Amino acid sequence: MLFFPYAVVGLVILPLLPLTAATALGALIQAVSAKWKHKNLINIILTLLVIVAILIGSVLVPGNAEATETDSFVELQMMLTDITGVLKEQIGAMYPPAVWFGDALTQESGSNILLLTAVSLVVFVLFVAVLQKYFLRISTALNATFTGETFRMKGMGKSSLLKSLWKRELRRYAASPIYVTNTLVGYIMMVIASAAILIAGPEQLDKILGIPGAQKIGAAIFPFILGAMAALMPMSSCSVSMEGKQWWMMQTLPVPERALYMAKFLTNLTVAFPFYLVSVVLAVIAFRPTGAEAVGFVLIPALYVAGSAAVGLLVNRKIPVFDWDSEVRVVKQSASTFFSMLIGILSALIPIGLIILNFVK
């Protein structure tokens, strides 16, 4: 009977600690970047460094599971049990409160639910007290503007219509730290995942995951994993909404509507291409595929990069949000972002599931 009250309390309290930690990091980044002239650029760099550090840290968390040799893959239940044990161990190493919550539910441990509540509330209250002291100073710095240099007319040039719109999209993209940092996460994950496989060696997958035959399965599904990461949040899924109340001005320009959307599509490909290239090269070096497998390692992630960009743009065109007051609403909370992410992930999970079932049989 204690399961349900513990679950209610835990579900309310559990997000408090990571939310506080994320807010503290965000406040620190804002405080540091606000002192610089190019504060948006500094904000983007610092945020990406934190994201990369967190992702690399999660990859480096060790697991003690060991694979057992078997002649077949029919024991699916055993494989899932091994995966569950590895996940619990890794989550416990990265975020112990999650294990406290799990033990409180499964073992009806009152001490664990009290520990979770006490630690979360104490950390939250301390953070609010510190932030309250410096909040006015941070807000003032964020609203400050730097006086630019005296304007001097320089040489002027001209570009094609599509190139001009493409440059405009790149400038708009780089001007928003929220836009950049959220839409780059998936591409950064592609590079880190490929680098981790290269460093650890694909032959270590059996031991790391505790699943016999994981190396063969990994080689088959890894291009789709890269594709799923690429489709996690394409920038095109909110590129139309980011125009806000100025979108009608763009539509009144004497340019084809197709060119406006093509510029957004090409900008998405421009941002994704360096991460795609590095991740594919590292994955090919790690797995050393031959023949059709090598073609799959190159083409499958490319199809997901281009496909997710096209789908994101199509969805955002159908359900845009223009009356927003904060970019957070567009980037993180809009329906077009959610549906684009859902379509991209499902399009990768389906073939991954079919491949795993084929190996299990």
Protein backbone atom coordinates (compact mmCIF):
# COMPACT_ATOMS: atom_id res chain seq x y z
CA MET A 1 0.00 0.00 0.00
CA LEU A 2 2.96 2.36 0.45
CA PHE A 3 3.80 2.09 -3.23
CA PHE A 4 1.21 4.68 -4.30
CA PRO A 5 1.92 7.47 -1.78
CA TYR A 6 5.65 7.00 -2.32
CA ALA A 7 5.11 7.16 -6.09
CA VAL A 8 3.13 10.41 -5.84
CA VAL A 9 5.72 12.06 -3.60
CA GLY A 10 8.64 10.76 -5.65
CA LEU A 11 7.23 11.83 -9.02
CA VAL A 12 6.82 15.37 -7.68
CA ILE A 13 10.20 15.56 -5.96
CA LEU A 14 12.40 13.56 -8.37
CA PRO A 15 12.66 16.26 -11.11
CA LEU A 16 13.49 18.97 -8.57
CA LEU A 17 17.19 18.16 -8.17
CA PRO A 18 18.11 17.92 -11.89
CA LEU A 19 15.94 20.97 -12.59
CA THR A 20 17.81 22.91 -9.91
CA ALA A 21 21.18 21.75 -11.25
CA ALA A 22 20.25 22.70 -14.81
CA THR A 23 18.97 26.10 -13.71
CA ALA A 24 22.13 26.71 -11.70
CA LEU A 25 24.29 25.91 -14.74
CA GLY A 26 22.11 28.11 -16.92
CA ALA A 27 22.32 31.00 -14.44
CA LEU A 28 26.09 30.62 -14.21
CA ILE A 29 26.46 30.61 -18.00
CA GLN A 30 24.22 33.66 -18.30
CA ALA A 31 26.19 35.49 -15.61
CA VAL A 32 29.53 34.79 -17.33
CA SER A 33 28.38 35.48 -20.89
CA ALA A 34 26.61 38.71 -19.91
CA LYS A 35 30.00 40.34 -19.23
CA TRP A 36 31.19 39.87 -22.81
CA LYS A 37 30.48 41.98 -25.85
CA HIS A 38 29.48 38.99 -27.96
CA LYS A 39 27.43 37.44 -25.18
CA ASN A 40 25.34 35.22 -27.49
CA LEU A 41 28.45 33.57 -28.89
CA ILE A 42 29.95 33.05 -25.43
CA ASN A 43 26.62 31.67 -24.21
CA ILE A 44 26.50 29.16 -27.06
CA ILE A 45 30.11 28.03 -26.55
CA LEU A 46 29.75 27.57 -22.78
CA THR A 47 26.44 25.75 -23.09
CA LEU A 48 27.80 23.38 -25.74
CA LEU A 49 30.85 22.67 -23.57
CA VAL A 50 28.58 21.73 -20.67
CA ILE A 51 26.45 19.51 -22.93
CA VAL A 52 29.52 17.76 -24.33
CA ALA A 53 30.93 17.23 -20.83
CA ILE A 54 27.65 15.70 -19.64
CA LEU A 55 27.36 13.43 -22.68
CA ILE A 56 30.98 12.27 -22.44
CA GLY A 57 30.59 11.71 -18.71
CA SER A 58 27.56 9.51 -19.28
CA VAL A 59 29.47 7.46 -21.87
CA LEU A 60 32.42 6.97 -19.51
CA VAL A 61 30.26 5.55 -16.68
CA PRO A 62 31.49 1.97 -16.35
CA GLY A 63 29.30 -1.08 -16.33
CA ASN A 64 30.22 -4.38 -14.72
CA ALA A 65 27.99 -6.64 -16.77
CA GLU A 66 29.65 -9.46 -18.62
CA ALA A 67 28.36 -11.32 -21.60
CA THR A 68 27.93 -15.07 -21.50
CA GLU A 69 28.58 -17.19 -24.52
CA THR A 70 25.53 -18.84 -26.00
CA ASP A 71 24.74 -20.63 -29.20
CA SER A 72 21.60 -18.66 -30.02
CA PHE A 73 19.78 -15.44 -29.32
CA VAL A 74 16.42 -16.96 -28.38
CA GLU A 75 16.70 -15.99 -24.72
CA LEU A 76 15.28 -12.51 -25.21
CA GLN A 77 14.06 -12.29 -21.63
CA MET A 78 17.58 -12.89 -20.32
CA MET A 79 18.93 -10.18 -22.60
CA LEU A 80 16.36 -7.66 -21.36
CA THR A 81 17.17 -8.55 -17.76
CA ASP A 82 20.87 -7.97 -18.39
CA ILE A 83 20.12 -4.62 -20.01
CA THR A 84 17.97 -3.60 -17.03
CA GLY A 85 20.73 -4.43 -14.60
CA VAL A 86 23.30 -2.45 -16.58
CA LEU A 87 20.97 0.55 -16.85
CA LYS A 88 20.27 0.55 -13.12
CA GLU A 89 23.99 0.44 -12.36
CA GLN A 90 24.80 3.25 -14.78
CA ILE A 91 21.88 5.43 -13.65
CA GLY A 92 22.90 4.88 -10.04
CA ALA A 93 26.42 6.03 -10.84
CA MET A 94 25.22 9.14 -12.67
CA TYR A 95 22.17 10.05 -10.56
CA PRO A 96 21.80 8.20 -7.21
CA PRO A 97 18.41 9.84 -6.33
CA ALA A 98 16.83 7.82 -9.14
CA VAL A 99 17.94 4.62 -7.36
CA TRP A 100 16.60 5.97 -4.05
CA PHE A 101 13.25 6.47 -5.73
CA GLY A 102 13.30 2.99 -7.26
CA ASP A 103 14.20 1.34 -3.94
CA ALA A 104 11.49 3.34 -2.17
CA LEU A 105 8.89 1.88 -4.54
CA THR A 106 10.13 -1.68 -4.83
CA GLN A 107 11.21 -2.13 -1.22
CA GLU A 108 8.75 0.31 0.43
CA SER A 109 11.75 2.07 1.95
CA GLY A 110 10.61 5.13 3.89
CA SER A 111 14.19 6.18 4.57
CA ASN A 112 14.94 6.40 0.85
CA ILE A 113 11.91 8.56 0.07
CA LEU A 114 12.79 10.83 3.00
CA LEU A 115 16.39 11.04 1.81
CA LEU A 116 15.26 11.91 -1.72
CA THR A 117 12.87 14.61 -0.44
CA ALA A 118 15.35 16.12 2.01
CA VAL A 119 18.28 16.33 -0.42
CA SER A 120 16.13 17.76 -3.23
CA LEU A 121 14.48 20.42 -1.06
CA VAL A 122 17.70 21.48 0.69
CA VAL A 123 19.56 21.90 -2.61
CA PHE A 124 16.62 23.79 -4.13
CA VAL A 125 16.24 26.19 -1.19
CA LEU A 126 19.99 26.92 -1.11
CA PHE A 127 20.01 27.63 -4.85
CA VAL A 128 17.03 29.99 -4.61
CA ALA A 129 18.69 31.86 -1.75
CA VAL A 130 21.92 32.36 -3.73
CA LEU A 131 20.15 33.25 -6.97
CA GLN A 132 17.92 35.76 -5.19
CA LYS A 133 21.00 37.62 -3.99
CA TYR A 134 22.47 38.03 -7.48
CA PHE A 135 19.29 38.01 -9.59
CA LEU A 136 19.08 41.78 -10.08
CA ARG A 137 22.74 41.98 -11.09
CA ILE A 138 22.37 39.16 -13.63
CA SER A 139 19.17 40.62 -15.10
CA THR A 140 20.79 44.05 -15.44
CA ALA A 141 23.81 42.57 -17.20
CA LEU A 142 21.63 40.56 -19.60
CA ASN A 143 19.71 43.68 -20.65
CA ALA A 144 22.86 45.74 -21.12
CA THR A 145 23.96 46.62 -24.64
CA PHE A 146 27.44 47.36 -25.94
CA THR A 147 28.11 50.40 -28.08
CA GLY A 148 29.45 49.36 -31.42
CA GLU A 149 32.22 50.93 -33.43
CA THR A 150 31.63 53.87 -35.73
CA PHE A 151 29.93 52.67 -38.89
CA ARG A 152 32.08 52.71 -41.99
CA MET A 153 30.84 51.90 -45.44
CA LYS A 154 32.70 48.95 -46.92
CA GLY A 155 32.69 47.31 -50.26
CA MET A 156 29.33 45.90 -51.28
CA GLY A 157 28.63 42.82 -53.29
CA LYS A 158 25.74 40.77 -54.52
CA SER A 159 24.70 37.14 -54.23
CA SER A 160 22.11 34.94 -55.80
CA LEU A 161 18.64 34.88 -54.30
CA LEU A 162 19.03 31.49 -52.64
CA LYS A 163 22.50 32.28 -51.30
CA SER A 164 21.29 35.55 -49.79
CA LEU A 165 18.39 33.82 -48.03
CA TRP A 166 20.75 31.07 -46.88
CA LYS A 167 23.14 33.62 -45.33
CA ARG A 168 20.19 35.30 -43.62
CA GLU A 169 19.11 31.99 -42.10
CA LEU A 170 22.61 31.31 -40.80
CA ARG A 171 22.78 34.75 -39.16
CA ARG A 172 19.35 34.26 -37.57
CA TYR A 173 20.37 30.83 -36.32
CA ALA A 174 23.63 32.03 -34.76
CA ALA A 175 21.85 34.91 -33.01
CA SER A 176 19.84 32.62 -30.71
CA PRO A 177 21.70 30.55 -28.08
CA ILE A 178 18.53 28.57 -27.26
CA TYR A 179 18.00 27.75 -30.93
CA VAL A 180 21.61 26.64 -31.48
CA THR A 181 22.23 24.65 -28.32
CA ASN A 182 18.99 22.67 -28.48
CA THR A 183 19.17 21.76 -32.15
CA LEU A 184 22.86 20.75 -32.02
CA VAL A 185 22.47 18.17 -29.25
CA GLY A 186 21.52 15.33 -31.59
CA TYR A 187 24.41 16.04 -33.94
CA ILE A 188 26.88 16.25 -31.05
CA MET A 189 25.58 12.90 -29.79
CA MET A 190 26.36 11.38 -33.21
CA VAL A 191 30.02 12.35 -32.93
CA ILE A 192 30.36 11.26 -29.30
CA ALA A 193 28.69 7.89 -29.96
CA SER A 194 31.00 7.16 -32.91
CA ALA A 195 34.06 8.31 -30.98
CA ALA A 196 33.09 6.13 -28.02
CA ILE A 197 32.77 3.06 -30.24
CA LEU A 198 36.12 3.81 -31.88
CA ILE A 199 37.92 4.29 -28.56
CA ALA A 200 36.36 1.33 -26.75
CA GLY A 201 36.34 -0.92 -29.82
CA PRO A 202 33.19 -2.61 -31.15
CA GLU A 203 34.45 -5.95 -29.79
CA GLN A 204 33.88 -4.55 -26.28
CA LEU A 205 30.13 -4.20 -26.83
CA ASP A 206 29.51 -7.78 -25.65
CA LYS A 207 31.18 -7.02 -22.32
CA ILE A 208 29.90 -3.47 -21.87
CA LEU A 209 26.25 -4.32 -22.55
CA GLY A 210 26.33 -7.81 -21.17
CA ILE A 211 24.59 -9.15 -24.28
CA PRO A 212 26.06 -12.01 -26.30
CA GLY A 213 26.42 -11.06 -29.95
CA ALA A 214 26.11 -7.35 -29.22
CA GLN A 215 28.96 -6.56 -31.61
CA LYS A 216 27.12 -8.04 -34.60
CA ILE A 217 23.85 -6.37 -33.62
CA GLY A 218 25.65 -3.07 -33.03
CA ALA A 219 27.23 -3.08 -36.47
CA ALA A 220 23.82 -3.64 -38.05
CA ILE A 221 21.87 -1.02 -36.12
CA PHE A 222 24.53 1.66 -35.56
CA PRO A 223 23.76 3.59 -38.80
CA PHE A 224 20.13 3.78 -37.67
CA ILE A 225 21.23 4.92 -34.20
CA LEU A 226 23.14 7.75 -35.84
CA GLY A 227 20.05 8.50 -37.89
CA ALA A 228 17.87 8.62 -34.77
CA MET A 229 20.28 11.11 -33.18
CA ALA A 230 20.27 13.23 -36.33
CA ALA A 231 16.46 13.26 -36.29
CA LEU A 232 16.28 14.07 -32.59
CA MET A 233 15.60 17.77 -33.15
CA PRO A 234 16.29 19.21 -36.61
CA MET A 235 16.51 22.99 -36.67
CA SER A 236 13.96 23.08 -39.49
CA SER A 237 11.27 21.86 -37.06
CA CYS A 238 11.03 25.39 -35.64
CA SER A 239 12.70 27.52 -38.32
CA VAL A 240 9.41 28.91 -39.66
CA SER A 241 8.08 29.66 -36.19
CA MET A 242 11.31 31.46 -35.30
CA GLU A 243 10.33 34.15 -37.81
CA GLY A 244 7.64 35.19 -35.34
CA LYS A 245 5.46 38.15 -36.27
CA GLN A 246 7.87 39.10 -39.06
CA TRP A 247 7.00 36.11 -41.21
CA TRP A 248 4.38 38.08 -43.15
CA MET A 249 7.12 40.52 -44.20
CA MET A 250 9.16 37.68 -45.69
CA GLN A 251 6.12 36.45 -47.58
CA THR A 252 5.58 39.89 -49.16
CA LEU A 253 9.05 39.93 -50.71
CA PRO A 254 9.11 39.47 -54.50
CA VAL A 255 10.70 36.04 -54.20
CA PRO A 256 9.22 32.58 -54.72
CA GLU A 257 7.90 30.97 -51.55
CA ARG A 258 9.82 27.85 -52.50
CA ALA A 259 13.09 29.78 -52.12
CA LEU A 260 12.24 30.77 -48.53
CA TYR A 261 11.73 27.15 -47.52
CA MET A 262 14.68 25.89 -49.55
CA ALA A 263 16.97 28.31 -47.72
CA LYS A 264 15.82 26.90 -44.37
CA PHE A 265 16.32 23.34 -45.61
CA LEU A 266 19.85 24.09 -46.87
CA THR A 267 20.72 25.81 -43.60
CA ASN A 268 19.74 22.67 -41.69
CA LEU A 269 21.98 20.58 -43.96
CA THR A 270 24.83 23.08 -43.56
CA VAL A 271 24.68 22.84 -39.78
CA ALA A 272 24.37 19.05 -39.75
CA PHE A 273 26.97 18.17 -42.40
CA PRO A 274 30.20 18.59 -40.34
CA PHE A 275 28.82 16.44 -37.50
CA TYR A 276 27.50 13.85 -39.98
CA LEU A 277 30.85 13.64 -41.77
CA VAL A 278 32.91 13.23 -38.59
CA SER A 279 30.54 10.67 -37.04
CA VAL A 280 30.37 8.53 -40.19
CA VAL A 281 34.15 8.56 -40.66
CA LEU A 282 34.70 7.51 -37.03
CA ALA A 283 32.03 4.80 -37.29
CA VAL A 284 33.49 3.37 -40.49
CA ILE A 285 36.97 3.27 -38.94
CA ALA A 286 35.58 1.59 -35.82
CA PHE A 287 33.42 -1.12 -37.44
CA ARG A 288 35.39 -1.47 -40.72
CA PRO A 289 32.35 -2.46 -42.80
CA THR A 290 32.75 -3.78 -46.31
CA GLY A 291 30.57 -3.74 -49.40
CA ALA A 292 26.91 -3.04 -48.79
CA GLU A 293 27.53 -2.46 -45.08
CA ALA A 294 29.90 0.41 -45.86
CA VAL A 295 27.34 1.96 -48.18
CA GLY A 296 24.75 1.67 -45.43
CA PHE A 297 27.04 3.39 -42.92
CA VAL A 298 27.30 6.35 -45.30
CA LEU A 299 23.83 6.57 -46.82
CA ILE A 300 21.51 5.70 -43.91
CA PRO A 301 22.57 8.58 -41.60
CA ALA A 302 22.58 10.91 -44.62
CA LEU A 303 18.99 9.95 -45.42
CA TYR A 304 17.96 10.65 -41.84
CA VAL A 305 19.72 14.02 -41.82
CA ALA A 306 18.05 15.14 -45.04
CA GLY A 307 14.74 13.42 -44.31
CA SER A 308 14.40 14.86 -40.81
CA ALA A 309 15.19 18.34 -42.14
CA ALA A 310 12.48 17.99 -44.79
CA VAL A 311 9.93 16.50 -42.38
CA GLY A 312 10.65 19.14 -39.74
CA LEU A 313 10.13 21.92 -42.26
CA LEU A 314 6.91 20.35 -43.54
CA VAL A 315 5.49 19.91 -40.03
CA ASN A 316 6.46 23.43 -38.95
CA ARG A 317 4.89 24.84 -42.09
CA LYS A 318 1.62 23.11 -41.23
CA ILE A 319 1.54 24.04 -37.52
CA PRO A 320 3.62 27.18 -37.00
CA VAL A 321 3.61 29.37 -33.88
CA PHE A 322 4.12 33.07 -34.54
CA ASP A 323 2.63 34.77 -31.46
CA TRP A 324 5.42 33.78 -29.06
CA ASP A 325 7.08 35.96 -26.44
CA SER A 326 10.03 33.66 -25.72
CA GLU A 327 12.10 31.52 -28.06
CA VAL A 328 11.86 28.73 -25.49
CA ARG A 329 8.21 28.27 -26.42
CA VAL A 330 9.10 27.73 -30.07
CA VAL A 331 12.20 25.60 -29.66
CA LYS A 332 11.23 23.42 -26.71
CA GLN A 333 7.46 23.58 -26.30
CA SER A 334 5.92 23.77 -29.77
CA ALA A 335 3.85 21.01 -31.33
CA SER A 336 5.95 21.04 -34.52
CA THR A 337 9.10 20.26 -32.53
CA PHE A 338 7.36 17.41 -30.72
CA PHE A 339 5.89 15.80 -33.84
CA SER A 340 9.12 16.18 -35.82
CA MET A 341 11.04 14.50 -33.02
CA LEU A 342 8.43 11.74 -32.71
CA ILE A 343 8.43 10.99 -36.44
CA GLY A 344 12.23 10.94 -36.59
CA ILE A 345 12.70 8.64 -33.60
CA LEU A 346 9.96 6.22 -34.68
CA SER A 347 11.39 6.03 -38.19
CA ALA A 348 14.65 4.79 -36.64
CA LEU A 349 13.22 2.59 -33.88
CA ILE A 350 11.16 0.51 -36.30
CA PRO A 351 14.12 -0.77 -38.40
CA ILE A 352 16.25 -1.11 -35.25
CA GLY A 353 13.56 -3.29 -33.66
CA LEU A 354 13.21 -5.42 -36.79
CA ILE A 355 16.98 -5.96 -37.00
CA ILE A 356 17.20 -6.98 -33.33
CA LEU A 357 14.27 -9.39 -33.71
CA ASN A 358 15.97 -10.91 -36.72
CA PHE A 359 19.10 -11.56 -34.64
CA VAL A 360 17.06 -12.88 -31.72
CA LYS A 361 15.29 -15.49 -33.81
